C-alpha atoms as a PDB file:
ATOM      1  CA  ASN A   1      46.440 -28.095   9.398  1.00  0.00           C
ATOM      2  CA  MET A   2      46.103 -31.879   8.380  1.00  0.00           C
ATOM      3  CA  SER A   3      43.454 -32.577   5.892  1.00  0.00           C
ATOM      4  CA  ALA A   4      41.352 -35.394   7.101  1.00  0.00           C
ATOM      5  CA  ALA A   5      40.098 -38.266   5.216  1.00  0.00           C
ATOM      6  CA  ASP A   6      36.517 -36.809   4.594  1.00  0.00           C
ATOM      7  CA  GLY A   7      37.946 -33.810   3.174  1.00  0.00           C
ATOM      8  CA  SER A   8      38.047 -31.228   5.982  1.00  0.00           C
ATOM      9  CA  ASN A   9      40.588 -29.707   7.597  1.00  0.00           C
ATOM     10  CA  SER A  10      41.611 -30.236  11.049  1.00  0.00           C
ATOM     11  CA  ASN A  11      43.596 -27.627  13.522  1.00  0.00           C
ATOM     12  CA  MET A  12      46.362 -28.970  16.035  1.00  0.00           C
ATOM     13  CA  MET A  13      44.397 -29.989  18.343  1.00  0.00           C
ATOM     14  CA  GLY A  14      42.399 -32.873  16.226  1.00  0.00           C
ATOM     15  CA  THR A  15      39.267 -30.555  16.253  1.00  0.00           C
ATOM     16  CA  ALA A  16      37.665 -30.438  12.549  1.00  0.00           C
ATOM     17  CA  ALA A  17      37.023 -26.951  10.975  1.00  0.00           C
ATOM     18  CA  TYR A  18      34.442 -27.300   8.420  1.00  0.00           C
ATOM     19  CA  GLU A  19      35.125 -24.138   6.286  1.00  0.00           C
ATOM     20  CA  TYR A  20      32.846 -25.409   3.778  1.00  0.00           C
ATOM     21  CA  CYS A  21      29.722 -27.102   4.830  1.00  0.00           C
ATOM     22  CA  ASP A  22      26.800 -25.453   3.112  1.00  0.00           C
ATOM     23  CA  VAL A  23      24.897 -24.552   6.464  1.00  0.00           C
ATOM     24  CA  PRO A  24      21.821 -23.058   5.615  1.00  0.00           C
ATOM     25  CA  THR A  25      20.722 -19.429   7.430  1.00  0.00           C
ATOM     26  CA  CYS A  26      17.723 -18.127   8.135  1.00  0.00           C
ATOM     27  CA  ASP A  27      15.987 -14.456   7.863  1.00  0.00           C
ATOM     28  CA  PRO A  28      15.075 -13.897  11.304  1.00  0.00           C
ATOM     29  CA  CYS A  29      11.757 -12.445  10.175  1.00  0.00           C
ATOM     30  CA  SER A  30      11.233 -15.645   8.092  1.00  0.00           C
ATOM     31  CA  CYS A  31      11.664 -17.749  11.271  1.00  0.00           C
ATOM     32  CA  MET A  32       9.139 -19.009  13.629  1.00  0.00           C
ATOM     33  CA  PRO A  33       9.945 -19.262  16.803  1.00  0.00           C
ATOM     34  CA  PRO A  34       8.733 -21.947  19.445  1.00  0.00           C
ATOM     35  CA  CYS A  35       4.881 -22.064  20.225  1.00  0.00           C
ATOM     36  CA  GLY A  36       4.292 -20.108  23.289  1.00  0.00           C
ATOM     37  CA  THR A  37       7.303 -18.121  22.987  1.00  0.00           C
ATOM     38  CA  PRO A  38       7.316 -14.060  22.523  1.00  0.00           C
ATOM     39  CA  ASN A  39       8.008 -12.837  19.123  1.00  0.00           C
ATOM     40  CA  LEU A  40      11.832 -11.183  19.830  1.00  0.00           C
ATOM     41  CA  GLU A  41      12.151  -9.496  16.274  1.00  0.00           C
ATOM     42  CA  PRO A  42      11.087  -6.209  15.357  1.00  0.00           C
ATOM     43  CA  CYS A  43       9.053  -8.173  12.751  1.00  0.00           C
ATOM     44  CA  GLY A  44       5.614  -9.622  12.571  1.00  0.00           C
ATOM     45  CA  CYS A  45       6.132 -12.489   9.965  1.00  0.00           C
ATOM     46  CA  PRO A  46       6.932 -14.817  13.040  1.00  0.00           C
ATOM     47  CA  SER A  47       4.114 -14.192  15.119  1.00  0.00           C
ATOM     48  CA  ALA A  48       2.181 -14.626  11.899  1.00  0.00           C
ATOM     49  CA  PHE A  49       3.151 -17.951  11.160  1.00  0.00           C
ATOM     50  CA  GLN A  50       2.908 -19.455  14.860  1.00  0.00           C
ATOM     51  CA  ALA A  51      -0.644 -18.259  14.409  1.00  0.00           C
ATOM     52  CA  GLU A  52      -0.726 -20.779  11.615  1.00  0.00           C
ATOM     53  CA  GLU A  53       1.417 -23.174  12.815  1.00  0.00           C
ATOM     54  CA  CYS A  54       0.767 -23.356  16.866  1.00  0.00           C
ATOM     55  CA  CYS A  55      -2.913 -22.669  17.150  1.00  0.00           C
ATOM     56  CA  SER A  56      -4.396 -26.471  16.744  1.00  0.00           C
ATOM     57  CA  THR A  57      -7.371 -27.110  14.858  1.00  0.00           C
ATOM     58  CA  ASP A  58      -8.082 -31.119  16.218  1.00  0.00           C
ATOM     59  CA  ASP A  59     -11.205 -31.790  17.607  1.00  0.00           C
ATOM     60  CA  ASP A  60     -10.091 -31.577  21.054  1.00  0.00           C
ATOM     61  CA  ASN A  61      -9.317 -27.893  20.483  1.00  0.00           C
ATOM     62  CA  ASN A  62     -12.528 -25.761  19.307  1.00  0.00           C
ATOM     63  CA  GLY A  63     -13.039 -23.141  17.257  1.00  0.00           C
ATOM     64  CA  GLU A  64     -13.268 -20.371  20.072  1.00  0.00           C
ATOM     65  CA  GLU A  65     -10.189 -21.631  21.798  1.00  0.00           C
ATOM     66  CA  ASP A  66      -8.419 -21.513  18.014  1.00  0.00           C
ATOM     67  CA  SER A  67      -9.548 -18.076  17.545  1.00  0.00           C
ATOM     68  CA  SER A  68      -8.560 -16.669  20.710  1.00  0.00           C
ATOM     69  CA  CYS A  69      -4.960 -18.993  20.058  1.00  0.00           C
ATOM     70  CA  LYS A  70      -4.640 -16.687  16.704  1.00  0.00           C
ATOM     71  CA  CYS A  71      -5.829 -13.640  17.867  1.00  0.00           C
ATOM     72  CA  GLY A  72      -3.043 -13.133  20.664  1.00  0.00           C
ATOM     73  CA  TYR A  73      -0.238 -14.195  17.927  1.00  0.00           C
ATOM     74  CA  LEU A  74      -2.053 -12.039  15.205  1.00  0.00           C
ATOM     75  CA  LYS A  75      -2.169  -8.762  17.459  1.00  0.00           C
ATOM     76  CA  GLU A  76       1.307  -9.321  17.742  1.00  0.00           C
ATOM     77  CA  ALA A  77       1.874  -9.619  14.403  1.00  0.00           C
ATOM     78  CA  CYS A  78      -0.046  -6.223  13.804  1.00  0.00           C
ATOM     79  CA  ARG A  79       1.987  -4.407  16.491  1.00  0.00           C
ATOM     80  CA  LYS A  80       5.063  -5.441  15.133  1.00  0.00           C
ATOM     81  CA  SER A  81       4.261  -4.027  11.304  1.00  0.00           C
ATOM     82  CA  LEU A  82       2.950  -0.975  12.708  1.00  0.00           C
ATOM     83  CA  GLU A  83       6.301  -0.361  14.710  1.00  0.00           C
ATOM     84  CA  ASN A  84       7.345  -0.429  10.759  1.00  0.00           C
ATOM     85  CA  ASN A  85       4.679   1.945   9.886  1.00  0.00           C
ATOM     86  CA  HIS A  86       2.615  -0.401   7.738  1.00  0.00           C
ATOM     87  CA  THR A  87      -0.678  -2.235   8.658  1.00  0.00           C
ATOM     88  CA  ALA A  88       0.115  -5.765   7.838  1.00  0.00           C
ATOM     89  CA  PHE A  89      -1.739  -8.535   9.670  1.00  0.00           C
ATOM     90  CA  CYS A  90      -3.828  -5.694  11.126  1.00  0.00           C
ATOM     91  CA  ASP A  91      -6.735  -6.909   8.583  1.00  0.00           C
ATOM     92  CA  ASP A  92      -6.319 -10.398   9.939  1.00  0.00           C
ATOM     93  CA  ALA A  93      -6.190  -9.818  13.387  1.00  0.00           C
ATOM     94  CA  GLU A  94      -9.382  -7.917  12.783  1.00  0.00           C
ATOM     95  CA  VAL A  95     -11.276 -11.015  10.894  1.00  0.00           C
ATOM     96  CA  VAL A  96      -9.733 -13.264  13.703  1.00  0.00           C
ATOM     97  CA  CYS A  97     -10.687 -11.781  16.770  1.00  0.00           C
ATOM     98  CA  CYS A  98     -13.589 -10.392  15.758  1.00  0.00           C
ATOM     99  CA  GLU A  99     -14.821 -13.732  14.161  1.00  0.00           C
ATOM    100  CA  THR A 100     -17.798 -14.251  16.503  1.00  0.00           C
ATOM    101  CA  ASN A 101     -18.690 -10.929  17.402  1.00  0.00           C
ATOM    102  CA  SER A 102     -21.874 -10.053  15.568  1.00  0.00           C
ATOM    103  CA  ASP A 103     -21.006  -6.236  15.533  1.00  0.00           C
ATOM    104  CA  ARG A 104     -17.797  -5.875  13.519  1.00  0.00           C
ATOM    105  CA  GLY A 105     -17.457  -2.434  13.283  1.00  0.00           C
ATOM    106  CA  SER A 106     -17.642  -2.426  17.628  1.00  0.00           C
ATOM    107  CA  CYS A 107     -15.195  -5.076  17.973  1.00  0.00           C
ATOM    108  CA  LYS A 108     -12.597  -3.823  15.908  1.00  0.00           C
ATOM    109  CA  CYS A 109     -12.559  -0.516  17.434  1.00  0.00           C
ATOM    110  CA  ASP A 110     -12.457  -1.858  20.788  1.00  0.00           C
ATOM    111  CA  LEU A 111      -9.563  -4.464  19.574  1.00  0.00           C
ATOM    112  CA  PHE A 112      -7.239  -1.541  18.484  1.00  0.00           C
ATOM    113  CA  ASP A 113      -8.379   1.095  21.312  1.00  0.00           C
ATOM    114  CA  ARG A 114      -6.900  -1.262  23.209  1.00  0.00           C
ATOM    115  CA  MET A 115      -4.121  -2.134  21.735  1.00  0.00           C
ATOM    116  CA  CYS A 116      -3.446   1.876  21.761  1.00  0.00           C
ATOM    117  CA  SER A 117      -3.867   1.783  25.679  1.00  0.00           C
ATOM    118  CA  ASP A 118      -1.298  -0.707  25.855  1.00  0.00           C
ATOM    119  CA  PHE A 119       0.964   0.551  23.352  1.00  0.00           C
ATOM    120  CA  PRO A 120       0.496   4.175  22.559  1.00  0.00           C
ATOM    121  CA  PHE A 121       2.785   5.074  20.202  1.00  0.00           C
ATOM    122  CA  ALA A 122       2.083   7.067  17.179  1.00  0.00           C
ATOM    123  CA  ALA A 123       1.101   4.500  14.343  1.00  0.00           C
ATOM    124  CA  MET A 124      -0.961   2.348  16.868  1.00  0.00           C
ATOM    125  CA  CYS A 125      -2.925   4.990  17.856  1.00  0.00           C
ATOM    126  CA  GLU A 126      -3.556   6.355  14.266  1.00  0.00           C
ATOM    127  CA  HIS A 127      -4.682   3.203  13.434  1.00  0.00           C
ATOM    128  CA  ALA A 128      -7.124   2.344  16.692  1.00  0.00           C
ATOM    129  CA  ALA A 129      -8.452   6.169  15.720  1.00  0.00           C
ATOM    130  CA  ASN A 130      -9.106   5.301  11.862  1.00  0.00           C
ATOM    131  CA  SER A 131     -10.685   2.190  13.108  1.00  0.00           C
ATOM    132  CA  CYS A 132     -12.946   3.637  15.647  1.00  0.00           C
ATOM    133  CA  CYS A 133     -13.804   6.774  13.481  1.00  0.00           C
ATOM    134  CA  SER A 134     -13.941   5.422   9.884  1.00  0.00           C
ATOM    135  CA  SER A 135     -17.703   6.022   8.006  1.00  0.00           C
ATOM    136  CA  ASP A 136     -18.384   2.501   7.621  1.00  0.00           C
ATOM    137  CA  VAL A 137     -18.228   2.107  11.342  1.00  0.00           C
ATOM    138  CA  LEU A 138     -20.303   5.438  12.228  1.00  0.00           C
ATOM    139  CA  LEU A 139     -23.893   4.918  12.235  1.00  0.00           C
ATOM    140  CA  GLN A 140     -25.100   8.595  10.833  1.00  0.00           C
ATOM    141  CA  GLU A 141     -26.680   9.119   7.568  1.00  0.00           C
ATOM    142  CA  GLU A 142     -24.470   9.394   4.857  1.00  0.00           C
ATOM    143  CA  ASP A 143     -24.543  13.550   4.751  1.00  0.00           C
ATOM    144  CA  ASP A 144     -23.522  13.657   8.352  1.00  0.00           C
ATOM    145  CA  ARG A 145     -21.111  11.037   7.846  1.00  0.00           C
ATOM    146  CA  MET A 146     -18.265  13.848   7.635  1.00  0.00           C
ATOM    147  CA  TRP A 147     -18.916  15.759  10.153  1.00  0.00           C
ATOM    148  CA  ALA A 148     -19.378  12.593  12.539  1.00  0.00           C
ATOM    149  CA  SER A 149     -16.058  11.233  11.527  1.00  0.00           C
ATOM    150  CA  ALA A 150     -13.934  14.506  12.438  1.00  0.00           C
ATOM    151  CA  GLN A 151     -15.758  15.157  15.628  1.00  0.00           C
ATOM    152  CA  CYS A 152     -15.031  11.064  16.334  1.00  0.00           C
ATOM    153  CA  LEU A 153     -11.495  11.781  15.770  1.00  0.00           C
ATOM    154  CA  CYS A 154     -11.561  15.377  17.633  1.00  0.00           C
ATOM    155  CA  ASP A 155     -13.046  13.377  20.875  1.00  0.00           C
ATOM    156  CA  TYR A 156     -11.059  10.398  20.065  1.00  0.00           C
ATOM    157  CA  TYR A 157      -7.300  12.703  20.173  1.00  0.00           C
ATOM    158  CA  THR A 158      -8.600  14.713  23.110  1.00  0.00           C
ATOM    159  CA  TYR A 159      -8.572  11.304  24.786  1.00  0.00           C
ATOM    160  CA  THR A 160      -5.233  10.042  24.035  1.00  0.00           C
ATOM    161  CA  SER A 161      -3.601  13.574  24.458  1.00  0.00           C
ATOM    162  CA  THR A 162      -5.705  13.925  27.900  1.00  0.00           C
ATOM    163  CA  THR A 163      -4.596  10.018  29.597  1.00  0.00           C
ATOM    164  CA  MET A 164      -1.720   8.962  27.412  1.00  0.00           C
ATOM    165  CA  GLY A 165       0.023  12.404  26.242  1.00  0.00           C
ATOM    166  CA  TYR A 166      -0.424  11.658  22.714  1.00  0.00           C
ATOM    167  CA  GLY A 167      -2.166  13.331  19.529  1.00  0.00           C
ATOM    168  CA  ASP A 168      -2.053  16.461  20.465  1.00  0.00           C
ATOM    169  CA  GLU A 169      -1.549  17.299  16.861  1.00  0.00           C
ATOM    170  CA  PHE A 170      -4.044  15.563  15.660  1.00  0.00           C
ATOM    171  CA  GLN A 171      -6.332  16.818  17.947  1.00  0.00           C
ATOM    172  CA  VAL A 172      -6.093  20.444  17.095  1.00  0.00           C
ATOM    173  CA  GLY A 173      -6.535  19.753  13.050  1.00  0.00           C
ATOM    174  CA  ASN A 174      -9.368  17.672  13.779  1.00  0.00           C
ATOM    175  CA  CYS A 175     -11.125  19.469  16.251  1.00  0.00           C
ATOM    176  CA  LEU A 176     -10.630  22.399  13.507  1.00  0.00           C
ATOM    177  CA  VAL A 177     -12.548  20.647  11.291  1.00  0.00           C
ATOM    178  CA  ALA A 178     -15.046  19.376  13.028  1.00  0.00           C
ATOM    179  CA  ALA A 179     -16.343  22.671  14.228  1.00  0.00           C
ATOM    180  CA  GLU A 180     -15.973  23.846  10.701  1.00  0.00           C
ATOM    181  CA  TYR A 181     -18.430  21.413   9.877  1.00  0.00           C
ATOM    182  CA  ARG A 182     -20.817  22.420  12.940  1.00  0.00           C
ATOM    183  CA  ILE A 183     -20.720  26.046  11.662  1.00  0.00           C
ATOM    184  CA  ALA A 184     -21.281  24.942   7.884  1.00  0.00           C
ATOM    185  CA  ALA A 185     -24.216  22.785   9.138  1.00  0.00           C
ATOM    186  CA  ARG A 186     -25.752  25.990  11.416  1.00  0.00           C
ATOM    187  CA  ARG A 187     -25.635  27.986   7.852  1.00  0.00           C
ATOM    188  CA  ILE A 188     -27.805  25.509   5.984  1.00  0.00           C
ATOM    189  CA  LEU A 189     -29.771  24.683   8.976  1.00  0.00           C
ATOM    190  CA  ILE A 190     -30.936  28.929   9.527  1.00  0.00           C
ATOM    191  CA  GLN A 191     -31.022  29.396   6.104  1.00  0.00           C
ATOM    192  CA  LEU A 192     -33.402  26.171   5.823  1.00  0.00           C
ATOM    193  CA  LEU A 193     -35.184  28.239   8.872  1.00  0.00           C
ATOM    194  CA  ARG A 194     -35.532  31.125   7.167  1.00  0.00           C
ATOM    195  CA  THR A 195     -37.057  29.785   3.843  1.00  0.00           C
ATOM    196  CA  LEU A 196     -39.902  27.432   5.734  1.00  0.00           C
ATOM    197  CA  MET A 197     -40.704  30.837   7.884  1.00  0.00           C
ATOM    198  CA  HIS A 198     -40.570  32.642   4.275  1.00  0.00           C
ATOM    199  CA  SER A 199     -42.831  30.068   3.169  1.00  0.00           C
ATOM    200  CA  HIS A 200     -45.353  29.699   6.088  1.00  0.00           C
ATOM    201  CA  SER A 201     -45.536  33.359   5.706  1.00  0.00           C
ATOM    202  CA  LYS A 202     -47.073  33.281   1.893  1.00  0.00           C
ATOM    203  CA  THR A 203     -49.090  30.545   3.194  1.00  0.00           C
ATOM    204  CA  ALA A 204     -50.598  32.380   6.003  1.00  0.00           C
ATOM    205  CA  GLU A 205     -51.087  35.467   3.852  1.00  0.00           C
ATOM    206  CA  SER A 206     -53.004  33.245   0.670  1.00  0.00           C
ATOM    207  CA  LEU A 207     -55.199  32.108   3.841  1.00  0.00           C
ATOM    208  CA  ARG A 208     -56.077  35.441   5.217  1.00  0.00           C
ATOM    209  CA  GLY A 209     -57.424  36.620   1.480  1.00  0.00           C
ATOM    210  CA  VAL A 210     -59.355  33.541   0.531  1.00  0.00           C
ATOM    211  CA  LEU A 211     -61.344  33.881   4.407  1.00  0.00           C
ATOM    212  CA  LEU A 212     -61.702  37.770   3.561  1.00  0.00           C
ATOM    213  CA  VAL A 213     -63.331  36.772   0.153  1.00  0.00           C
ATOM    214  CA  GLN A 214     -65.672  34.520   1.811  1.00  0.00           C
END
């Protein structure tokens, strides 16, 4: 090889071989694909970068379009994260995708339920189930929320097991818990009814005694 004037080496064909160039490399998970290009990496960061950079906030683009654009990218970022067994970007997706919805709980459930239907893998559907059946989403009174959550999870995994073939093991466990709550609630109700009947019986006897005296 011959030495070139700029310090690089030349091979016999006269082509410079830049062996010492300090060319920066990019971690694929830290690089943003071109706007509109699918994120082909197994991580969510590229999609999150697209959500920040590709959705215009100019006056020509109204807020609804901006939210819709970001929602698509952040849903993808959330899905990629769940495929790696963590939930990074899922809260961000919820905030952006449900920004204009007054019923945040229902919107959150619908959002992740659709994602579970589209991508029925374990972490995705488990996140959907927990989003739909969390106690802050359910409208029952405080004392009923634990039962309602277990029953909701039972129903949800019964649905995924029947329609998608996923969640049999979760269905069994949650349906057993829900059944135990129902049994416990019935026992409490029966005891309450017995107490009320006994109390009313005493009241009736007292009234009967008063009437006899008069």
